Amino acid sequence: HPMKLDTSETFLTICTLKNPIQWDEQRKVQFVCLLNIRKGYTGDLNQVYQQLIDIIENKTMMQKLIECNLPEELIQLMCE
């Protein structure tokens, strides 16, 4: 997430990679998700966080997301 809330709407930016990249000294990643929260938002995002955690912890789902070729496929999987 950004350090400063400065967008006009709340949204996710997702990047899936065919080949893993080095994220830090110990981890490589193929799935990057950025949560952008609209400026002035004061609501509860716990449900969003929990849904993301559920997706990330599900190895089968993560593999399916990484294999998506179209944004529509990825969106459909994430909304299941």
Protein backbone atom coordinates (compact mmCIF):
# COMPACT_ATOMS: atom_id res chain seq x y z
CA HIS A 1 0.00 0.00 0.00
CA PRO A 2 1.17 3.56 -0.53
CA MET A 3 2.63 5.54 2.34
CA LYS A 4 0.12 8.35 1.73
CA LEU A 5 -3.59 8.07 0.86
CA ASP A 6 -3.77 10.17 -2.28
CA THR A 7 -6.07 8.50 -4.84
CA SER A 8 -9.66 9.39 -5.69
CA GLU A 9 -10.84 5.78 -5.38
CA THR A 10 -9.88 2.53 -3.67
CA PHE A 11 -8.53 -0.20 -5.95
CA LEU A 12 -6.12 -3.11 -6.28
CA THR A 13 -3.23 -3.24 -8.71
CA ILE A 14 -2.11 -6.80 -9.45
CA CYS A 15 0.91 -8.05 -11.34
CA THR A 16 1.54 -11.72 -12.09
CA LEU A 17 4.88 -12.86 -13.47
CA LYS A 18 5.77 -15.90 -15.56
CA ASN A 19 9.17 -16.05 -13.86
CA PRO A 20 9.76 -15.20 -10.20
CA ILE A 21 11.71 -12.08 -9.27
CA GLN A 22 13.84 -11.57 -6.17
CA TRP A 23 11.70 -9.63 -3.66
CA ASP A 24 14.20 -9.56 -0.84
CA GLU A 25 17.19 -11.62 0.27
CA GLN A 26 15.05 -14.64 1.14
CA ARG A 27 12.03 -14.53 -1.18
CA LYS A 28 11.15 -14.67 -4.83
CA VAL A 29 7.66 -13.70 -5.96
CA GLN A 30 5.37 -14.15 -8.95
CA PHE A 31 2.35 -12.31 -7.57
CA VAL A 32 2.41 -8.66 -6.50
CA CYS A 33 -0.70 -6.93 -5.18
CA LEU A 34 -0.84 -3.23 -4.31
CA LEU A 35 -3.82 -1.88 -2.38
CA ASN A 36 -4.55 1.78 -3.10
CA ILE A 37 -6.92 3.42 -0.63
CA ARG A 38 -8.79 6.57 -1.55
CA LYS A 39 -7.88 9.79 0.18
CA GLY A 40 -10.01 10.41 3.27
CA TYR A 41 -11.21 6.80 3.57
CA THR A 42 -12.05 5.92 7.18
CA GLY A 43 -13.83 2.59 6.73
CA ASP A 44 -12.82 -0.88 7.83
CA LEU A 45 -10.62 -2.78 5.36
CA ASN A 46 -10.35 -5.96 7.45
CA GLN A 47 -12.61 -7.89 5.05
CA VAL A 48 -10.43 -6.90 2.08
CA TYR A 49 -7.27 -7.87 3.97
CA GLN A 50 -8.77 -11.22 4.99
CA GLN A 51 -9.83 -12.01 1.41
CA LEU A 52 -6.32 -11.24 0.18
CA ILE A 53 -4.80 -13.42 2.91
CA ASP A 54 -7.16 -16.28 1.98
CA ILE A 55 -6.12 -16.02 -1.67
CA ILE A 56 -2.40 -15.77 -0.95
CA GLU A 57 -2.43 -18.73 1.45
CA ASN A 58 -4.22 -20.93 -1.11
CA LYS A 59 -1.41 -22.37 -3.26
CA THR A 60 -3.83 -23.79 -5.83
CA MET A 61 -5.52 -20.42 -6.25
CA MET A 62 -2.19 -18.63 -6.49
CA GLN A 63 -1.03 -20.98 -9.25
CA LYS A 64 -4.28 -20.39 -11.16
CA LEU A 65 -3.87 -16.62 -10.82
CA ILE A 66 -0.27 -16.75 -12.04
CA GLU A 67 -1.35 -18.80 -15.06
CA CYS A 68 -4.02 -16.29 -16.15
CA ASN A 69 -3.40 -14.72 -19.55
CA LEU A 70 -6.09 -12.04 -19.45
CA PRO A 71 -7.08 -9.54 -16.75
CA GLU A 72 -10.68 -10.78 -17.02
CA GLU A 73 -9.59 -14.30 -16.08
CA LEU A 74 -7.77 -12.99 -13.03
CA ILE A 75 -10.73 -10.87 -11.94
CA GLN A 76 -13.12 -13.80 -12.35
CA LEU A 77 -10.91 -16.07 -10.22
CA MET A 78 -10.51 -13.47 -7.49
CA CYS A 79 -14.27 -12.92 -7.31
CA GLU A 80 -15.08 -16.62 -6.79
